[in-house]
Amino acid sequence: MSVIHQPSLNQFIYLTDEGQQGGVLAYRYLSEAKIEAFHTKVVPELQGKGIAGELYNALIAFALQQHLKIKPSCSYVDAKMRRNHSALIG
């Protein structure tokens, strides 16, 4: 199981050991220094296993590495950011 960044599609995907897509976190650029995280989804049979959290962590690592602010329009990302990474909200 792993999280893969697909920069050409502006998304992070979670792949199962079988290579199936188990979740996605999508974003779009609002400017060179700001992205909007607008969609997070985990397939029903994998919900409750921390997959959304892994996708979120990949998003945060990417934003920190690229010096980006995040507009969290996805409710999951918004709640996590307000608790843990409010300095990155832009």
PDB file of N, CA and C in Angstrom:
ATOM      1  N   MET A   1       0.852  -1.181   0.000  1.00  0.00           N
ATOM      2  CA  MET A   1       0.000   0.000   0.000  1.00  0.00           C
ATOM      3  C   MET A   1       0.892   1.236   0.000  1.00  0.00           C
ATOM      4  N   SER A   2       0.537   2.200  -0.821  1.00  0.00           N
ATOM      5  CA  SER A   2       1.360   3.393  -0.902  1.00  0.00           C
ATOM      6  C   SER A   2       0.554   4.567  -1.437  1.00  0.00           C
ATOM      7  N   VAL A   3       1.062   5.755  -1.126  1.00  0.00           N
ATOM      8  CA  VAL A   3       0.485   6.986  -1.653  1.00  0.00           C
ATOM      9  C   VAL A   3       1.401   7.470  -2.772  1.00  0.00           C
ATOM     10  N   ILE A   4       0.811   7.754  -3.905  1.00  0.00           N
ATOM     11  CA  ILE A   4       1.538   8.207  -5.086  1.00  0.00           C
ATOM     12  C   ILE A   4       1.064   9.614  -5.439  1.00  0.00           C
ATOM     13  N   HIS A   5       2.030  10.508  -5.686  1.00  0.00           N
ATOM     14  CA  HIS A   5       1.683  11.847  -6.152  1.00  0.00           C
ATOM     15  C   HIS A   5       1.648  11.815  -7.674  1.00  0.00           C
ATOM     16  N   GLN A   6       0.581  12.304  -8.235  1.00  0.00           N
ATOM     17  CA  GLN A   6       0.443  12.430  -9.684  1.00  0.00           C
ATOM     18  C   GLN A   6       0.352  13.922 -10.020  1.00  0.00           C
ATOM     19  N   PRO A   7       1.503  14.597 -10.107  1.00  0.00           N
ATOM     20  CA  PRO A   7       1.476  16.048 -10.316  1.00  0.00           C
ATOM     21  C   PRO A   7       0.792  16.478 -11.610  1.00  0.00           C
ATOM     22  N   SER A   8       0.864  15.666 -12.654  1.00  0.00           N
ATOM     23  CA  SER A   8       0.216  16.053 -13.910  1.00  0.00           C
ATOM     24  C   SER A   8      -1.308  16.067 -13.785  1.00  0.00           C
ATOM     25  N   LEU A   9      -1.836  15.325 -12.810  1.00  0.00           N
ATOM     26  CA  LEU A   9      -3.277  15.285 -12.553  1.00  0.00           C
ATOM     27  C   LEU A   9      -3.673  16.068 -11.301  1.00  0.00           C
ATOM     28  N   ASN A  10      -2.687  16.671 -10.630  1.00  0.00           N
ATOM     29  CA  ASN A  10      -2.922  17.419  -9.393  1.00  0.00           C
ATOM     30  C   ASN A  10      -3.664  16.579  -8.366  1.00  0.00           C
ATOM     31  N   GLN A  11      -3.116  15.408  -8.077  1.00  0.00           N
ATOM     32  CA  GLN A  11      -3.756  14.546  -7.087  1.00  0.00           C
ATOM     33  C   GLN A  11      -2.752  13.585  -6.457  1.00  0.00           C
ATOM     34  N   PHE A  12      -3.149  13.116  -5.287  1.00  0.00           N
ATOM     35  CA  PHE A  12      -2.457  12.030  -4.600  1.00  0.00           C
ATOM     36  C   PHE A  12      -3.413  10.852  -4.620  1.00  0.00           C
ATOM     37  N   ILE A  13      -2.897   9.666  -4.925  1.00  0.00           N
ATOM     38  CA  ILE A  13      -3.749   8.483  -4.898  1.00  0.00           C
ATOM     39  C   ILE A  13      -3.156   7.457  -3.946  1.00  0.00           C
ATOM     40  N   TYR A  14      -4.029   6.689  -3.359  1.00  0.00           N
ATOM     41  CA  TYR A  14      -3.639   5.590  -2.491  1.00  0.00           C
ATOM     42  C   TYR A  14      -3.833   4.306  -3.277  1.00  0.00           C
ATOM     43  N   LEU A  15      -2.746   3.542  -3.410  1.00  0.00           N
ATOM     44  CA  LEU A  15      -2.816   2.262  -4.109  1.00  0.00           C
ATOM     45  C   LEU A  15      -2.732   1.122  -3.110  1.00  0.00           C
ATOM     46  N   THR A  16      -3.598   0.139  -3.284  1.00  0.00           N
ATOM     47  CA  THR A  16      -3.565  -1.057  -2.443  1.00  0.00           C
ATOM     48  C   THR A  16      -2.418  -1.952  -2.899  1.00  0.00           C
ATOM     49  N   ASP A  17      -2.141  -2.995  -2.126  1.00  0.00           N
ATOM     50  CA  ASP A  17      -1.105  -3.955  -2.507  1.00  0.00           C
ATOM     51  C   ASP A  17      -1.395  -4.594  -3.860  1.00  0.00           C
ATOM     52  N   GLU A  18      -2.662  -4.664  -4.223  1.00  0.00           N
ATOM     53  CA  GLU A  18      -3.070  -5.248  -5.505  1.00  0.00           C
ATOM     54  C   GLU A  18      -3.011  -4.235  -6.647  1.00  0.00           C
ATOM     55  N   GLY A  19      -2.610  -2.999  -6.344  1.00  0.00           N
ATOM     56  CA  GLY A  19      -2.518  -1.965  -7.369  1.00  0.00           C
ATOM     57  C   GLY A  19      -3.815  -1.257  -7.672  1.00  0.00           C
ATOM     58  N   GLN A  20      -4.831  -1.473  -6.853  1.00  0.00           N
ATOM     59  CA  GLN A  20      -6.125  -0.809  -7.036  1.00  0.00           C
ATOM     60  C   GLN A  20      -6.115   0.555  -6.346  1.00  0.00           C
ATOM     61  N   GLN A  21      -6.805   1.511  -6.941  1.00  0.00           N
ATOM     62  CA  GLN A  21      -6.912   2.822  -6.317  1.00  0.00           C
ATOM     63  C   GLN A  21      -7.900   2.756  -5.165  1.00  0.00           C
ATOM     64  N   GLY A  22      -7.419   3.056  -3.960  1.00  0.00           N
ATOM     65  CA  GLY A  22      -8.264   2.996  -2.781  1.00  0.00           C
ATOM     66  C   GLY A  22      -8.712   4.353  -2.281  1.00  0.00           C
ATOM     67  N   GLY A  23      -8.080   5.410  -2.780  1.00  0.00           N
ATOM     68  CA  GLY A  23      -8.443   6.743  -2.341  1.00  0.00           C
ATOM     69  C   GLY A  23      -7.764   7.795  -3.189  1.00  0.00           C
ATOM     70  N   VAL A  24      -8.271   9.017  -3.090  1.00  0.00           N
ATOM     71  CA  VAL A  24      -7.717  10.129  -3.855  1.00  0.00           C
ATOM     72  C   VAL A  24      -7.889  11.422  -3.069  1.00  0.00           C
ATOM     73  N   LEU A  25      -6.902  12.296  -3.193  1.00  0.00           N
ATOM     74  CA  LEU A  25      -6.999  13.659  -2.677  1.00  0.00           C
ATOM     75  C   LEU A  25      -6.600  14.562  -3.842  1.00  0.00           C
ATOM     76  N   ALA A  26      -7.532  15.398  -4.281  1.00  0.00           N
ATOM     77  CA  ALA A  26      -7.313  16.247  -5.453  1.00  0.00           C
ATOM     78  C   ALA A  26      -7.118  17.701  -5.038  1.00  0.00           C
ATOM     79  N   TYR A  27      -6.286  18.392  -5.817  1.00  0.00           N
ATOM     80  CA  TYR A  27      -6.021  19.806  -5.567  1.00  0.00           C
ATOM     81  C   TYR A  27      -5.890  20.524  -6.904  1.00  0.00           C
ATOM     82  N   ARG A  28      -5.924  21.842  -6.847  1.00  0.00           N
ATOM     83  CA  ARG A  28      -5.671  22.658  -8.036  1.00  0.00           C
ATOM     84  C   ARG A  28      -4.858  23.878  -7.611  1.00  0.00           C
ATOM     85  N   TYR A  29      -4.077  24.380  -8.527  1.00  0.00           N
ATOM     86  CA  TYR A  29      -3.292  25.585  -8.259  1.00  0.00           C
ATOM     87  C   TYR A  29      -4.176  26.810  -8.404  1.00  0.00           C
ATOM     88  N   LEU A  30      -4.114  27.671  -7.409  1.00  0.00           N
ATOM     89  CA  LEU A  30      -4.793  28.963  -7.478  1.00  0.00           C
ATOM     90  C   LEU A  30      -3.814  30.049  -7.885  1.00  0.00           C
ATOM     91  N   SER A  31      -2.541  29.830  -7.565  1.00  0.00           N
ATOM     92  CA  SER A  31      -1.444  30.717  -7.950  1.00  0.00           C
ATOM     93  C   SER A  31      -0.164  29.898  -7.832  1.00  0.00           C
ATOM     94  N   GLU A  32       0.968  30.510  -8.100  1.00  0.00           N
ATOM     95  CA  GLU A  32       2.235  29.784  -7.980  1.00  0.00           C
ATOM     96  C   GLU A  32       2.513  29.370  -6.543  1.00  0.00           C
ATOM     97  N   ALA A  33       1.931  30.082  -5.589  1.00  0.00           N
ATOM     98  CA  ALA A  33       2.236  29.826  -4.186  1.00  0.00           C
ATOM     99  C   ALA A  33       1.057  29.277  -3.388  1.00  0.00           C
ATOM    100  N   LYS A  34      -0.043  28.940  -4.071  1.00  0.00           N
ATOM    101  CA  LYS A  34      -1.237  28.507  -3.342  1.00  0.00           C
ATOM    102  C   LYS A  34      -1.999  27.434  -4.116  1.00  0.00           C
ATOM    103  N   ILE A  35      -2.380  26.382  -3.386  1.00  0.00           N
ATOM    104  CA  ILE A  35      -3.217  25.334  -3.963  1.00  0.00           C
ATOM    105  C   ILE A  35      -4.512  25.237  -3.170  1.00  0.00           C
ATOM    106  N   GLU A  36      -5.508  24.689  -3.818  1.00  0.00           N
ATOM    107  CA  GLU A  36      -6.788  24.432  -3.160  1.00  0.00           C
ATOM    108  C   GLU A  36      -6.997  22.923  -3.108  1.00  0.00           C
ATOM    109  N   ALA A  37      -7.120  22.375  -1.903  1.00  0.00           N
ATOM    110  CA  ALA A  37      -7.448  20.957  -1.729  1.00  0.00           C
ATOM    111  C   ALA A  37      -8.968  20.875  -1.700  1.00  0.00           C
ATOM    112  N   PHE A  38      -9.554  20.289  -2.760  1.00  0.00           N
ATOM    113  CA  PHE A  38     -11.006  20.376  -2.905  1.00  0.00           C
ATOM    114  C   PHE A  38     -11.741  19.043  -2.847  1.00  0.00           C
ATOM    115  N   HIS A  39     -11.012  17.924  -2.802  1.00  0.00           N
ATOM    116  CA  HIS A  39     -11.726  16.643  -2.814  1.00  0.00           C
ATOM    117  C   HIS A  39     -10.866  15.547  -2.190  1.00  0.00           C
ATOM    118  N   THR A  40     -11.443  14.823  -1.237  1.00  0.00           N
ATOM    119  CA  THR A  40     -10.808  13.634  -0.666  1.00  0.00           C
ATOM    120  C   THR A  40     -11.853  12.535  -0.648  1.00  0.00           C
ATOM    121  N   LYS A  41     -11.476  11.360  -1.148  1.00  0.00           N
ATOM    122  CA  LYS A  41     -12.411  10.239  -1.160  1.00  0.00           C
ATOM    123  C   LYS A  41     -11.648   8.940  -0.956  1.00  0.00           C
ATOM    124  N   VAL A  42     -12.214   8.072  -0.125  1.00  0.00           N
ATOM    125  CA  VAL A  42     -11.688   6.725   0.097  1.00  0.00           C
ATOM    126  C   VAL A  42     -12.815   5.758  -0.244  1.00  0.00           C
ATOM    127  N   VAL A  43     -12.478   4.672  -0.946  1.00  0.00           N
ATOM    128  CA  VAL A  43     -13.514   3.701  -1.310  1.00  0.00           C
ATOM    129  C   VAL A  43     -14.132   3.125  -0.033  1.00  0.00           C
ATOM    130  N   PRO A  44     -15.426   2.833  -0.060  1.00  0.00           N
ATOM    131  CA  PRO A  44     -16.137   2.408   1.151  1.00  0.00           C
ATOM    132  C   PRO A  44     -15.488   1.247   1.909  1.00  0.00           C
ATOM    133  N   GLU A  45     -15.002   0.249   1.212  1.00  0.00           N
ATOM    134  CA  GLU A  45     -14.448  -0.918   1.911  1.00  0.00           C
ATOM    135  C   GLU A  45     -13.121  -0.630   2.619  1.00  0.00           C
ATOM    136  N   LEU A  46     -12.501   0.524   2.342  1.00  0.00           N
ATOM    137  CA  LEU A  46     -11.244   0.880   3.002  1.00  0.00           C
ATOM    138  C   LEU A  46     -11.398   2.037   3.983  1.00  0.00           C
ATOM    139  N   GLN A  47     -12.602   2.556   4.136  1.00  0.00           N
ATOM    140  CA  GLN A  47     -12.809   3.668   5.061  1.00  0.00           C
ATOM    141  C   GLN A  47     -12.544   3.225   6.493  1.00  0.00           C
ATOM    142  N   GLY A  48     -12.048   4.167   7.296  1.00  0.00           N
ATOM    143  CA  GLY A  48     -11.760   3.889   8.698  1.00  0.00           C
ATOM    144  C   GLY A  48     -10.412   3.236   8.931  1.00  0.00           C
ATOM    145  N   LYS A  49      -9.569   3.190   7.911  1.00  0.00           N
ATOM    146  CA  LYS A  49      -8.263   2.545   8.031  1.00  0.00           C
ATOM    147  C   LYS A  49      -7.108   3.543   7.961  1.00  0.00           C
ATOM    148  N   GLY A  50      -7.405   4.831   8.040  1.00  0.00           N
ATOM    149  CA  GLY A  50      -6.359   5.851   8.047  1.00  0.00           C
ATOM    150  C   GLY A  50      -5.863   6.283   6.676  1.00  0.00           C
ATOM    151  N   ILE A  51      -6.544   5.866   5.632  1.00  0.00           N
ATOM    152  CA  ILE A  51      -6.091   6.190   4.280  1.00  0.00           C
ATOM    153  C   ILE A  51      -6.222   7.682   3.987  1.00  0.00           C
ATOM    154  N   ALA A  52      -7.306   8.293   4.372  1.00  0.00           N
ATOM    155  CA  ALA A  52      -7.466   9.737   4.158  1.00  0.00           C
ATOM    156  C   ALA A  52      -6.358  10.491   4.880  1.00  0.00           C
ATOM    157  N   GLY A  53      -5.979  10.024   6.054  1.00  0.00           N
ATOM    158  CA  GLY A  53      -4.885  10.641   6.796  1.00  0.00           C
ATOM    159  C   GLY A  53      -3.558  10.526   6.070  1.00  0.00           C
ATOM    160  N   GLU A  54      -3.312   9.396   5.432  1.00  0.00           N
ATOM    161  CA  GLU A  54      -2.081   9.226   4.655  1.00  0.00           C
ATOM    162  C   GLU A  54      -2.066  10.157   3.446  1.00  0.00           C
ATOM    163  N   LEU A  55      -3.198  10.298   2.791  1.00  0.00           N
ATOM    164  CA  LEU A  55      -3.299  11.229   1.669  1.00  0.00           C
ATOM    165  C   LEU A  55      -3.076  12.660   2.145  1.00  0.00           C
ATOM    166  N   TYR A  56      -3.676  13.004   3.271  1.00  0.00           N
ATOM    167  CA  TYR A  56      -3.506  14.337   3.860  1.00  0.00           C
ATOM    168  C   TYR A  56      -2.039  14.596   4.182  1.00  0.00           C
ATOM    169  N   ASN A  57      -1.369  13.626   4.799  1.00  0.00           N
ATOM    170  CA  ASN A  57       0.047  13.796   5.143  1.00  0.00           C
ATOM    171  C   ASN A  57       0.902  14.022   3.904  1.00  0.00           C
ATOM    172  N   ALA A  58       0.582  13.344   2.817  1.00  0.00           N
ATOM    173  CA  ALA A  58       1.315  13.547   1.566  1.00  0.00           C
ATOM    174  C   ALA A  58       1.087  14.961   1.035  1.00  0.00           C
ATOM    175  N   LEU A  59      -0.141  15.455   1.145  1.00  0.00           N
ATOM    176  CA  LEU A  59      -0.447  16.824   0.727  1.00  0.00           C
ATOM    177  C   LEU A  59       0.362  17.829   1.536  1.00  0.00           C
ATOM    178  N   ILE A  60       0.394  17.656   2.841  1.00  0.00           N
ATOM    179  CA  ILE A  60       1.127  18.578   3.713  1.00  0.00           C
ATOM    180  C   ILE A  60       2.616  18.541   3.399  1.00  0.00           C
ATOM    181  N   ALA A  61       3.180  17.351   3.225  1.00  0.00           N
ATOM    182  CA  ALA A  61       4.605  17.229   2.896  1.00  0.00           C
ATOM    183  C   ALA A  61       4.912  17.947   1.578  1.00  0.00           C
ATOM    184  N   PHE A  62       4.041  17.787   0.601  1.00  0.00           N
ATOM    185  CA  PHE A  62       4.204  18.455  -0.692  1.00  0.00           C
ATOM    186  C   PHE A  62       4.155  19.973  -0.521  1.00  0.00           C
ATOM    187  N   ALA A  63       3.179  20.469   0.218  1.00  0.00           N
ATOM    188  CA  ALA A  63       3.041  21.911   0.426  1.00  0.00           C
ATOM    189  C   ALA A  63       4.265  22.483   1.139  1.00  0.00           C
ATOM    190  N   LEU A  64       4.754  21.784   2.141  1.00  0.00           N
ATOM    191  CA  LEU A  64       5.942  22.253   2.855  1.00  0.00           C
ATOM    192  C   LEU A  64       7.162  22.252   1.942  1.00  0.00           C
ATOM    193  N   GLN A  65       7.332  21.194   1.189  1.00  0.00           N
ATOM    194  CA  GLN A  65       8.477  21.079   0.286  1.00  0.00           C
ATOM    195  C   GLN A  65       8.455  22.166  -0.791  1.00  0.00           C
ATOM    196  N   GLN A  66       7.272  22.487  -1.290  1.00  0.00           N
ATOM    197  CA  GLN A  66       7.136  23.466  -2.371  1.00  0.00           C
ATOM    198  C   GLN A  66       6.839  24.884  -1.870  1.00  0.00           C
ATOM    199  N   HIS A  67       6.791  25.066  -0.541  1.00  0.00           N
ATOM    200  CA  HIS A  67       6.500  26.373   0.076  1.00  0.00           C
ATOM    201  C   HIS A  67       5.155  26.923  -0.398  1.00  0.00           C
ATOM    202  N   LEU A  68       4.135  26.078  -0.315  1.00  0.00           N
ATOM    203  CA  LEU A  68       2.794  26.441  -0.759  1.00  0.00           C
ATOM    204  C   LEU A  68       1.851  26.652   0.418  1.00  0.00           C
ATOM    205  N   LYS A  69       0.915  27.551   0.249  1.00  0.00           N
ATOM    206  CA  LYS A  69      -0.214  27.682   1.156  1.00  0.00           C
ATOM    207  C   LYS A  69      -1.344  26.824   0.594  1.00  0.00           C
ATOM    208  N   ILE A  70      -2.264  26.426   1.466  1.00  0.00           N
ATOM    209  CA  ILE A  70      -3.368  25.572   1.047  1.00  0.00           C
ATOM    210  C   ILE A  70      -4.697  26.227   1.409  1.00  0.00           C
ATOM    211  N   LYS A  71      -5.583  26.300   0.437  1.00  0.00           N
ATOM    212  CA  LYS A  71      -6.972  26.680   0.698  1.00  0.00           C
ATOM    213  C   LYS A  71      -7.737  25.364   0.838  1.00  0.00           C
ATOM    214  N   PRO A  72      -8.197  25.033   2.046  1.00  0.00           N
ATOM    215  CA  PRO A  72      -8.866  23.746   2.262  1.00  0.00           C
ATOM    216  C   PRO A  72     -10.373  23.815   2.029  1.00  0.00           C
ATOM    217  N   SER A  73     -10.814  23.619   0.796  1.00  0.00           N
ATOM    218  CA  SER A  73     -12.257  23.639   0.545  1.00  0.00           C
ATOM    219  C   SER A  73     -12.898  22.269   0.738  1.00  0.00           C
ATOM    220  N   CYS A  74     -12.102  21.235   0.868  1.00  0.00           N
ATOM    221  CA  CYS A  74     -12.589  19.897   1.236  1.00  0.00           C
ATOM    222  C   CYS A  74     -12.791  19.878   2.753  1.00  0.00           C
ATOM    223  N   SER A  75     -13.921  19.421   3.216  1.00  0.00           N
ATOM    224  CA  SER A  75     -14.223  19.464   4.655  1.00  0.00           C
ATOM    225  C   SER A  75     -13.234  18.642   5.478  1.00  0.00           C
ATOM    226  N   TYR A  76     -12.782  17.512   4.970  1.00  0.00           N
ATOM    227  CA  TYR A  76     -11.817  16.684   5.705  1.00  0.00           C
ATOM    228  C   TYR A  76     -10.494  17.431   5.865  1.00  0.00           C
ATOM    229  N   VAL A  77      -9.971  17.966   4.769  1.00  0.00           N
ATOM    230  CA  VAL A  77      -8.703  18.693   4.824  1.00  0.00           C
ATOM    231  C   VAL A  77      -8.846  19.932   5.697  1.00  0.00           C
ATOM    232  N   ASP A  78      -9.963  20.630   5.587  1.00  0.00           N
ATOM    233  CA  ASP A  78     -10.194  21.824   6.398  1.00  0.00           C
ATOM    234  C   ASP A  78     -10.130  21.498   7.889  1.00  0.00           C
ATOM    235  N   ALA A  79     -10.816  20.465   8.316  1.00  0.00           N
ATOM    236  CA  ALA A  79     -10.822  20.098   9.739  1.00  0.00           C
ATOM    237  C   ALA A  79      -9.428  19.705  10.215  1.00  0.00           C
ATOM    238  N   LYS A  80      -8.713  18.910   9.430  1.00  0.00           N
ATOM    239  CA  LYS A  80      -7.360  18.481   9.813  1.00  0.00           C
ATOM    240  C   LYS A  80      -6.404  19.668   9.874  1.00  0.00           C
ATOM    241  N   MET A  81      -6.494  20.563   8.909  1.00  0.00           N
ATOM    242  CA  MET A  81      -5.581  21.706   8.885  1.00  0.00           C
ATOM    243  C   MET A  81      -5.831  22.642  10.051  1.00  0.00           C
ATOM    244  N   ARG A  82      -7.076  22.879  10.389  1.00  0.00           N
ATOM    245  CA  ARG A  82      -7.373  23.790  11.498  1.00  0.00           C
ATOM    246  C   ARG A  82      -6.849  23.241  12.823  1.00  0.00           C
ATOM    247  N   ARG A  83      -6.799  21.905  12.946  1.00  0.00           N
ATOM    248  CA  ARG A  83      -6.264  21.283  14.162  1.00  0.00           C
ATOM    249  C   ARG A  83      -4.743  21.188  14.161  1.00  0.00           C
ATOM    250  N   ASN A  84      -4.152  20.939  13.000  1.00  0.00           N
ATOM    251  CA  ASN A  84      -2.741  20.560  12.982  1.00  0.00           C
ATOM    252  C   ASN A  84      -1.803  21.445  12.172  1.00  0.00           C
ATOM    253  N   HIS A  85      -2.292  22.102  11.163  1.00  0.00           N
ATOM    254  CA  HIS A  85      -1.409  22.853  10.274  1.00  0.00           C
ATOM    255  C   HIS A  85      -2.019  24.196   9.876  1.00  0.00           C
ATOM    256  N   SER A  86      -2.550  24.914  10.827  1.00  0.00           N
ATOM    257  CA  SER A  86      -3.249  26.163  10.503  1.00  0.00           C
ATOM    258  C   SER A  86      -2.324  27.199   9.863  1.00  0.00           C
ATOM    259  N   ALA A  87      -1.026  27.118  10.117  1.00  0.00           N
ATOM    260  CA  ALA A  87      -0.092  28.080   9.524  1.00  0.00           C
ATOM    261  C   ALA A  87      -0.011  27.946   8.006  1.00  0.00           C
ATOM    262  N   LEU A  88      -0.415  26.803   7.471  1.00  0.00           N
ATOM    263  CA  LEU A  88      -0.367  26.597   6.020  1.00  0.00           C
ATOM    264  C   LEU A  88      -1.641  27.043   5.312  1.00  0.00           C
ATOM    265  N   ILE A  89      -2.669  27.406   6.079  1.00  0.00           N
ATOM    266  CA  ILE A  89      -3.921  27.839   5.459  1.00  0.00           C
ATOM    267  C   ILE A  89      -3.711  29.204   4.817  1.00  0.00           C
ATOM    268  N   GLY A  90      -4.091  29.291   3.569  1.00  0.00           N
ATOM    269  CA  GLY A  90      -3.899  30.556   2.876  1.00  0.00           C
ATOM    270  C   GLY A  90      -5.062  30.899   1.993  1.00  0.00           C
TER     271      GLY A  90
END
